[in-house]
Amino acid sequence: MIRDQQGRILLVRPSYKPTWDLPGGGAEIDESPRDAAIREVGEELGVEVEPGKLLAVDWLGPQSGYTEVLALLFDAGTLSSEQASHINVDGQEIIEAAFHTAADAMDLLDAEAASRLEAALTTPSSYLENGIHRGGAPNTHAPA
């Protein structure tokens, strides 16, 4: 999740699906999820990010010919105005990138991505399955 100076969330519009998405993609063989996030954002947008806190983990069951997927959503911080002005989409895989308010982002994303984003915004470090929160209530007990 990448934000701008106004707190809006960066979304991308892929050429291969009808809805917007959060920047990112799949890890390559022997590539960590964090390194994959850095590489994918660099390839898709031409900007360098530093993934920070893990905000959500979402297990996606098999669908559309794909095996299961484990989607991780990192907080990649806030871009300066100068960094945001250097966003450059490739025009093939990603055809547009824009910052949106959280409410608008929820309307533009598919149901699973919207649930993942909502969980990240409301209950950081969430565990989900197919976009549905499965982590139980947060542990509020002090360590024994």
N, C-alpha and C. Protein backbone atom coordinates (compact mmCIF):
# COMPACT_ATOMS: atom_id res chain seq x y z
N MET A 1 0.85 -1.17 0.00
CA MET A 1 0.00 0.00 0.00
C MET A 1 0.89 1.23 0.00
N ILE A 2 0.70 2.07 -0.99
CA ILE A 2 1.48 3.28 -1.16
C ILE A 2 0.52 4.46 -1.09
N ARG A 3 0.91 5.49 -0.35
CA ARG A 3 0.06 6.68 -0.22
C ARG A 3 0.77 7.91 -0.78
N ASP A 4 -0.02 8.96 -1.02
CA ASP A 4 0.56 10.25 -1.39
C ASP A 4 0.52 11.18 -0.18
N GLN A 5 0.97 12.38 -0.36
CA GLN A 5 1.05 13.35 0.73
C GLN A 5 -0.31 13.70 1.33
N GLN A 6 -1.39 13.47 0.58
CA GLN A 6 -2.75 13.73 1.07
C GLN A 6 -3.36 12.50 1.73
N GLY A 7 -2.62 11.39 1.80
CA GLY A 7 -3.11 10.17 2.43
C GLY A 7 -3.92 9.27 1.50
N ARG A 8 -3.99 9.64 0.22
CA ARG A 8 -4.72 8.80 -0.74
C ARG A 8 -3.89 7.56 -1.07
N ILE A 9 -4.56 6.53 -1.54
CA ILE A 9 -3.95 5.22 -1.81
C ILE A 9 -3.72 5.06 -3.30
N LEU A 10 -2.53 4.58 -3.66
CA LEU A 10 -2.19 4.38 -5.07
C LEU A 10 -2.80 3.08 -5.57
N LEU A 11 -3.53 3.19 -6.67
CA LEU A 11 -4.09 2.02 -7.36
C LEU A 11 -3.57 2.01 -8.79
N VAL A 12 -3.54 0.80 -9.37
CA VAL A 12 -3.17 0.65 -10.77
C VAL A 12 -4.32 0.01 -11.51
N ARG A 13 -4.42 0.33 -12.81
CA ARG A 13 -5.44 -0.29 -13.65
C ARG A 13 -4.73 -1.23 -14.62
N PRO A 14 -4.79 -2.54 -14.33
CA PRO A 14 -4.14 -3.51 -15.21
C PRO A 14 -4.90 -3.68 -16.52
N SER A 15 -4.18 -4.06 -17.56
CA SER A 15 -4.81 -4.30 -18.86
C SER A 15 -5.55 -5.63 -18.91
N TYR A 16 -5.25 -6.52 -17.98
CA TYR A 16 -5.75 -7.89 -18.04
C TYR A 16 -6.96 -8.17 -17.15
N LYS A 17 -7.52 -7.15 -16.50
CA LYS A 17 -8.71 -7.36 -15.68
C LYS A 17 -9.55 -6.09 -15.65
N PRO A 18 -10.85 -6.21 -15.35
CA PRO A 18 -11.73 -5.05 -15.45
C PRO A 18 -11.66 -4.09 -14.26
N THR A 19 -11.08 -4.51 -13.15
CA THR A 19 -11.04 -3.67 -11.96
C THR A 19 -9.63 -3.15 -11.72
N TRP A 20 -9.55 -2.11 -10.91
CA TRP A 20 -8.26 -1.58 -10.47
C TRP A 20 -7.66 -2.55 -9.46
N ASP A 21 -6.39 -2.33 -9.11
CA ASP A 21 -5.72 -3.21 -8.16
C ASP A 21 -4.69 -2.40 -7.39
N LEU A 22 -4.19 -2.99 -6.33
CA LEU A 22 -3.07 -2.42 -5.60
C LEU A 22 -1.80 -2.79 -6.35
N PRO A 23 -0.79 -1.94 -6.37
CA PRO A 23 0.46 -2.30 -7.05
C PRO A 23 1.07 -3.54 -6.43
N GLY A 24 1.70 -4.35 -7.26
CA GLY A 24 2.36 -5.55 -6.76
C GLY A 24 2.28 -6.67 -7.77
N GLY A 25 2.60 -7.87 -7.32
CA GLY A 25 2.56 -9.02 -8.21
C GLY A 25 3.18 -10.21 -7.55
N GLY A 26 3.44 -11.23 -8.34
CA GLY A 26 3.94 -12.49 -7.83
C GLY A 26 5.45 -12.52 -7.66
N ALA A 27 5.87 -13.33 -6.70
CA ALA A 27 7.29 -13.54 -6.45
C ALA A 27 7.84 -14.55 -7.46
N GLU A 28 9.08 -14.36 -7.82
CA GLU A 28 9.77 -15.31 -8.68
C GLU A 28 10.42 -16.38 -7.82
N ILE A 29 10.91 -17.43 -8.45
CA ILE A 29 11.57 -18.52 -7.72
C ILE A 29 12.72 -17.94 -6.90
N ASP A 30 12.78 -18.35 -5.63
CA ASP A 30 13.83 -17.93 -4.69
C ASP A 30 13.81 -16.42 -4.39
N GLU A 31 12.69 -15.76 -4.60
CA GLU A 31 12.56 -14.33 -4.31
C GLU A 31 11.65 -14.16 -3.10
N SER A 32 12.07 -13.37 -2.14
CA SER A 32 11.24 -13.13 -0.96
C SER A 32 10.04 -12.26 -1.33
N PRO A 33 8.95 -12.34 -0.55
CA PRO A 33 7.80 -11.47 -0.82
C PRO A 33 8.17 -9.99 -0.79
N ARG A 34 9.04 -9.60 0.14
CA ARG A 34 9.46 -8.19 0.23
C ARG A 34 10.21 -7.77 -1.03
N ASP A 35 11.16 -8.61 -1.47
CA ASP A 35 11.91 -8.29 -2.68
C ASP A 35 10.99 -8.28 -3.90
N ALA A 36 10.01 -9.17 -3.93
CA ALA A 36 9.04 -9.19 -5.03
C ALA A 36 8.25 -7.88 -5.07
N ALA A 37 7.86 -7.37 -3.91
CA ALA A 37 7.11 -6.11 -3.86
C ALA A 37 7.96 -4.96 -4.41
N ILE A 38 9.22 -4.92 -4.01
CA ILE A 38 10.11 -3.86 -4.51
C ILE A 38 10.25 -3.96 -6.03
N ARG A 39 10.51 -5.18 -6.52
CA ARG A 39 10.70 -5.37 -7.96
C ARG A 39 9.43 -5.05 -8.75
N GLU A 40 8.30 -5.59 -8.30
CA GLU A 40 7.04 -5.39 -9.03
C GLU A 40 6.66 -3.90 -9.11
N VAL A 41 6.77 -3.20 -8.00
CA VAL A 41 6.43 -1.77 -8.02
C VAL A 41 7.39 -1.01 -8.94
N GLY A 42 8.66 -1.39 -8.90
CA GLY A 42 9.63 -0.76 -9.80
C GLY A 42 9.29 -1.02 -11.26
N GLU A 43 8.93 -2.27 -11.59
CA GLU A 43 8.59 -2.62 -12.97
C GLU A 43 7.30 -1.96 -13.41
N GLU A 44 6.29 -1.97 -12.54
CA GLU A 44 4.98 -1.44 -12.91
C GLU A 44 4.92 0.08 -12.96
N LEU A 45 5.65 0.73 -12.03
CA LEU A 45 5.48 2.17 -11.86
C LEU A 45 6.75 3.00 -12.01
N GLY A 46 7.89 2.34 -12.05
CA GLY A 46 9.13 3.08 -12.21
C GLY A 46 9.55 3.85 -10.97
N VAL A 47 9.03 3.48 -9.81
CA VAL A 47 9.43 4.13 -8.56
C VAL A 47 9.96 3.07 -7.60
N GLU A 48 10.83 3.51 -6.71
CA GLU A 48 11.40 2.62 -5.71
C GLU A 48 10.69 2.81 -4.39
N VAL A 49 10.27 1.70 -3.79
CA VAL A 49 9.61 1.75 -2.49
C VAL A 49 10.37 0.89 -1.51
N GLU A 50 10.11 1.13 -0.25
CA GLU A 50 10.71 0.35 0.84
C GLU A 50 9.56 -0.25 1.66
N PRO A 51 9.20 -1.52 1.37
CA PRO A 51 8.12 -2.13 2.14
C PRO A 51 8.44 -2.15 3.62
N GLY A 52 7.46 -1.75 4.41
CA GLY A 52 7.63 -1.73 5.86
C GLY A 52 6.78 -2.80 6.50
N LYS A 53 5.95 -2.37 7.41
CA LYS A 53 5.11 -3.27 8.20
C LYS A 53 4.20 -4.11 7.32
N LEU A 54 4.08 -5.39 7.66
CA LEU A 54 3.13 -6.27 6.99
C LEU A 54 1.74 -5.96 7.54
N LEU A 55 0.82 -5.56 6.65
CA LEU A 55 -0.51 -5.13 7.07
C LEU A 55 -1.55 -6.24 7.01
N ALA A 56 -1.43 -7.13 6.04
CA ALA A 56 -2.42 -8.19 5.90
C ALA A 56 -1.81 -9.38 5.15
N VAL A 57 -2.31 -10.56 5.50
CA VAL A 57 -1.99 -11.80 4.81
C VAL A 57 -3.32 -12.38 4.36
N ASP A 58 -3.46 -12.70 3.07
CA ASP A 58 -4.72 -13.21 2.54
C ASP A 58 -4.45 -14.47 1.73
N TRP A 59 -5.02 -15.61 2.18
CA TRP A 59 -4.93 -16.85 1.43
C TRP A 59 -6.08 -16.88 0.45
N LEU A 60 -5.75 -17.03 -0.85
CA LEU A 60 -6.75 -17.10 -1.90
C LEU A 60 -6.79 -18.51 -2.43
N GLY A 61 -7.94 -19.15 -2.35
CA GLY A 61 -8.09 -20.52 -2.81
C GLY A 61 -7.99 -20.62 -4.32
N PRO A 62 -7.86 -21.85 -4.82
CA PRO A 62 -7.75 -22.07 -6.27
C PRO A 62 -8.93 -21.44 -7.01
N GLN A 63 -8.61 -20.79 -8.15
CA GLN A 63 -9.64 -20.16 -8.97
C GLN A 63 -9.10 -19.84 -10.35
N SER A 64 -9.95 -19.85 -11.32
CA SER A 64 -9.63 -19.48 -12.71
C SER A 64 -8.36 -20.15 -13.22
N GLY A 65 -8.19 -21.44 -12.93
CA GLY A 65 -7.04 -22.16 -13.43
C GLY A 65 -5.75 -21.97 -12.64
N TYR A 66 -5.79 -21.17 -11.58
CA TYR A 66 -4.62 -20.95 -10.75
C TYR A 66 -4.72 -21.78 -9.48
N THR A 67 -3.56 -22.15 -8.96
CA THR A 67 -3.52 -22.80 -7.67
C THR A 67 -3.71 -21.73 -6.59
N GLU A 68 -3.66 -22.11 -5.37
CA GLU A 68 -3.84 -21.13 -4.29
C GLU A 68 -2.73 -20.09 -4.30
N VAL A 69 -3.04 -18.93 -3.70
CA VAL A 69 -2.11 -17.82 -3.64
C VAL A 69 -2.10 -17.28 -2.21
N LEU A 70 -0.95 -16.87 -1.76
CA LEU A 70 -0.83 -16.18 -0.48
C LEU A 70 -0.47 -14.73 -0.80
N ALA A 71 -1.41 -13.81 -0.59
CA ALA A 71 -1.21 -12.40 -0.90
C ALA A 71 -0.80 -11.66 0.38
N LEU A 72 0.31 -10.94 0.30
CA LEU A 72 0.81 -10.16 1.43
C LEU A 72 0.69 -8.69 1.08
N LEU A 73 0.16 -7.90 2.00
CA LEU A 73 0.03 -6.46 1.78
C LEU A 73 0.95 -5.74 2.76
N PHE A 74 1.96 -5.07 2.20
CA PHE A 74 2.92 -4.31 3.00
C PHE A 74 2.55 -2.83 2.98
N ASP A 75 2.95 -2.13 4.02
CA ASP A 75 2.89 -0.67 4.03
C ASP A 75 4.16 -0.17 3.38
N ALA A 76 4.04 0.40 2.19
CA ALA A 76 5.21 0.90 1.47
C ALA A 76 5.40 2.39 1.64
N GLY A 77 4.70 2.97 2.59
CA GLY A 77 4.94 4.36 2.95
C GLY A 77 4.25 5.38 2.07
N THR A 78 4.74 6.60 2.19
CA THR A 78 4.18 7.76 1.51
C THR A 78 5.18 8.30 0.51
N LEU A 79 4.73 8.50 -0.72
CA LEU A 79 5.59 9.10 -1.74
C LEU A 79 5.58 10.61 -1.60
N SER A 80 6.73 11.22 -1.79
CA SER A 80 6.78 12.68 -1.84
C SER A 80 6.12 13.12 -3.14
N SER A 81 5.82 14.39 -3.24
CA SER A 81 5.23 14.91 -4.48
C SER A 81 6.16 14.66 -5.66
N GLU A 82 7.46 14.80 -5.43
CA GLU A 82 8.43 14.57 -6.51
C GLU A 82 8.43 13.10 -6.93
N GLN A 83 8.43 12.18 -5.96
CA GLN A 83 8.39 10.76 -6.30
C GLN A 83 7.11 10.42 -7.07
N ALA A 84 5.99 10.95 -6.61
CA ALA A 84 4.71 10.68 -7.27
C ALA A 84 4.71 11.19 -8.70
N SER A 85 5.39 12.30 -8.95
CA SER A 85 5.43 12.86 -10.30
C SER A 85 6.26 12.00 -11.25
N HIS A 86 7.06 11.07 -10.71
CA HIS A 86 7.89 10.19 -11.53
C HIS A 86 7.24 8.83 -11.80
N ILE A 87 6.00 8.63 -11.34
CA ILE A 87 5.31 7.38 -11.65
C ILE A 87 5.14 7.28 -13.16
N ASN A 88 5.55 6.14 -13.69
CA ASN A 88 5.51 5.93 -15.14
C ASN A 88 5.03 4.51 -15.41
N VAL A 89 3.81 4.36 -15.91
CA VAL A 89 3.28 3.03 -16.21
C VAL A 89 3.79 2.57 -17.57
N ASP A 90 3.87 1.24 -17.75
CA ASP A 90 4.41 0.71 -19.00
C ASP A 90 3.42 0.75 -20.16
N GLY A 91 2.13 0.94 -19.87
CA GLY A 91 1.13 1.04 -20.94
C GLY A 91 0.71 -0.31 -21.50
N GLN A 92 1.35 -1.38 -21.07
CA GLN A 92 0.98 -2.72 -21.54
C GLN A 92 0.33 -3.51 -20.42
N GLU A 93 1.10 -3.86 -19.39
CA GLU A 93 0.53 -4.57 -18.24
C GLU A 93 -0.30 -3.62 -17.39
N ILE A 94 0.22 -2.45 -17.13
CA ILE A 94 -0.47 -1.42 -16.34
C ILE A 94 -0.76 -0.24 -17.27
N ILE A 95 -2.03 0.13 -17.37
CA ILE A 95 -2.38 1.21 -18.30
C ILE A 95 -2.67 2.54 -17.61
N GLU A 96 -2.78 2.50 -16.29
CA GLU A 96 -3.04 3.75 -15.56
C GLU A 96 -2.70 3.55 -14.09
N ALA A 97 -2.26 4.62 -13.45
CA ALA A 97 -2.02 4.62 -12.00
C ALA A 97 -2.53 5.94 -11.47
N ALA A 98 -3.20 5.89 -10.32
CA ALA A 98 -3.75 7.12 -9.74
C ALA A 98 -3.96 6.92 -8.25
N PHE A 99 -3.90 8.02 -7.51
CA PHE A 99 -4.18 8.01 -6.08
C PHE A 99 -5.67 8.22 -5.86
N HIS A 100 -6.24 7.46 -4.92
CA HIS A 100 -7.67 7.53 -4.63
C HIS A 100 -7.88 7.55 -3.12
N THR A 101 -8.98 8.17 -2.71
CA THR A 101 -9.35 8.08 -1.30
C THR A 101 -9.66 6.62 -0.98
N ALA A 102 -9.63 6.27 0.29
CA ALA A 102 -9.94 4.89 0.68
C ALA A 102 -11.33 4.49 0.21
N ALA A 103 -12.30 5.38 0.35
CA ALA A 103 -13.68 5.07 -0.06
C ALA A 103 -13.75 4.81 -1.56
N ASP A 104 -13.10 5.64 -2.35
CA ASP A 104 -13.11 5.43 -3.80
C ASP A 104 -12.36 4.16 -4.16
N ALA A 105 -11.26 3.88 -3.47
CA ALA A 105 -10.48 2.66 -3.74
C ALA A 105 -11.35 1.43 -3.53
N MET A 106 -12.15 1.42 -2.48
CA MET A 106 -13.01 0.27 -2.20
C MET A 106 -13.98 0.01 -3.36
N ASP A 107 -14.44 1.07 -4.00
CA ASP A 107 -15.37 0.93 -5.13
C ASP A 107 -14.67 0.46 -6.40
N LEU A 108 -13.38 0.77 -6.55
CA LEU A 108 -12.65 0.44 -7.77
C LEU A 108 -12.01 -0.95 -7.75
N LEU A 109 -11.73 -1.47 -6.57
CA LEU A 109 -11.08 -2.76 -6.43
C LEU A 109 -12.09 -3.91 -6.52
N ASP A 110 -11.61 -5.11 -6.89
CA ASP A 110 -12.50 -6.27 -6.82
C ASP A 110 -12.76 -6.58 -5.35
N ALA A 111 -13.71 -7.47 -5.08
CA ALA A 111 -14.16 -7.71 -3.71
C ALA A 111 -13.02 -8.18 -2.79
N GLU A 112 -12.19 -9.09 -3.27
CA GLU A 112 -11.11 -9.60 -2.43
C GLU A 112 -10.07 -8.53 -2.11
N ALA A 113 -9.66 -7.78 -3.12
CA ALA A 113 -8.67 -6.72 -2.89
C ALA A 113 -9.24 -5.63 -1.99
N ALA A 114 -10.53 -5.30 -2.17
CA ALA A 114 -11.16 -4.30 -1.31
C ALA A 114 -11.20 -4.78 0.13
N SER A 115 -11.52 -6.05 0.34
CA SER A 115 -11.53 -6.60 1.70
C SER A 115 -10.14 -6.59 2.31
N ARG A 116 -9.14 -6.91 1.50
CA ARG A 116 -7.75 -6.90 1.97
C ARG A 116 -7.35 -5.48 2.38
N LEU A 117 -7.69 -4.51 1.55
CA LEU A 117 -7.36 -3.12 1.87
C LEU A 117 -8.11 -2.65 3.11
N GLU A 118 -9.40 -2.96 3.19
CA GLU A 118 -10.18 -2.55 4.35
C GLU A 118 -9.60 -3.14 5.63
N ALA A 119 -9.21 -4.41 5.59
CA ALA A 119 -8.61 -5.05 6.76
C ALA A 119 -7.31 -4.35 7.13
N ALA A 120 -6.51 -4.03 6.14
CA ALA A 120 -5.24 -3.35 6.40
C ALA A 120 -5.45 -1.97 7.02
N LEU A 121 -6.51 -1.29 6.61
CA LEU A 121 -6.78 0.05 7.13
C LEU A 121 -7.41 0.02 8.51
N THR A 122 -8.15 -1.04 8.82
CA THR A 122 -8.89 -1.06 10.08
C THR A 122 -8.29 -1.97 11.14
N THR A 123 -7.70 -3.08 10.73
CA THR A 123 -7.11 -4.03 11.68
C THR A 123 -5.76 -4.50 11.14
N PRO A 124 -4.73 -3.65 11.18
CA PRO A 124 -3.44 -4.03 10.64
C PRO A 124 -2.96 -5.38 11.16
N SER A 125 -2.17 -6.04 10.36
CA SER A 125 -1.66 -7.38 10.61
C SER A 125 -2.80 -8.39 10.64
N SER A 126 -3.67 -8.29 9.67
CA SER A 126 -4.83 -9.16 9.56
C SER A 126 -4.50 -10.43 8.77
N TYR A 127 -5.13 -11.53 9.16
CA TYR A 127 -5.07 -12.76 8.39
C TYR A 127 -6.45 -12.97 7.76
N LEU A 128 -6.45 -13.18 6.44
CA LEU A 128 -7.70 -13.37 5.72
C LEU A 128 -7.62 -14.63 4.87
N GLU A 129 -8.78 -15.16 4.48
CA GLU A 129 -8.89 -16.23 3.50
C GLU A 129 -9.94 -15.79 2.49
N ASN A 130 -9.51 -15.67 1.23
CA ASN A 130 -10.39 -15.20 0.16
C ASN A 130 -11.03 -13.86 0.50
N GLY A 131 -10.25 -12.99 1.12
CA GLY A 131 -10.73 -11.66 1.46
C GLY A 131 -11.57 -11.59 2.72
N ILE A 132 -11.75 -12.71 3.42
CA ILE A 132 -12.58 -12.73 4.62
C ILE A 132 -11.69 -12.86 5.85
N HIS A 133 -11.88 -11.97 6.82
CA HIS A 133 -11.07 -11.97 8.04
C HIS A 133 -11.27 -13.27 8.80
N ARG A 134 -10.17 -13.97 9.08
CA ARG A 134 -10.23 -15.24 9.78
C ARG A 134 -9.33 -15.25 11.01
N GLY A 135 -8.75 -14.11 11.35
CA GLY A 135 -7.76 -14.06 12.41
C GLY A 135 -8.32 -14.03 13.81
N GLY A 136 -9.62 -13.99 13.98
CA GLY A 136 -10.20 -13.89 15.31
C GLY A 136 -10.04 -12.49 15.87
N ALA A 137 -10.53 -12.29 17.06
CA ALA A 137 -10.43 -10.99 17.72
C ALA A 137 -8.99 -10.75 18.12
N PRO A 138 -8.54 -9.49 18.04
CA PRO A 138 -7.17 -9.19 18.45
C PRO A 138 -6.96 -9.58 19.91
N ASN A 139 -5.78 -10.06 20.22
CA ASN A 139 -5.43 -10.46 21.58
C ASN A 139 -5.13 -9.21 22.40
N THR A 140 -5.95 -8.93 23.40
CA THR A 140 -5.78 -7.74 24.22
C THR A 140 -5.20 -8.08 25.58
N HIS A 141 -4.84 -9.35 25.80
CA HIS A 141 -4.30 -9.76 27.08
C HIS A 141 -2.82 -9.42 27.18
N ALA A 142 -2.42 -8.97 28.32
CA ALA A 142 -1.01 -8.71 28.57
C ALA A 142 -0.28 -10.03 28.68
N PRO A 143 0.99 -10.09 28.26
CA PRO A 143 1.74 -11.33 28.39
C PRO A 143 1.81 -11.78 29.84
N ALA A 144 1.75 -13.09 30.04
CA ALA A 144 1.78 -13.64 31.41
C ALA A 144 3.18 -13.67 31.95
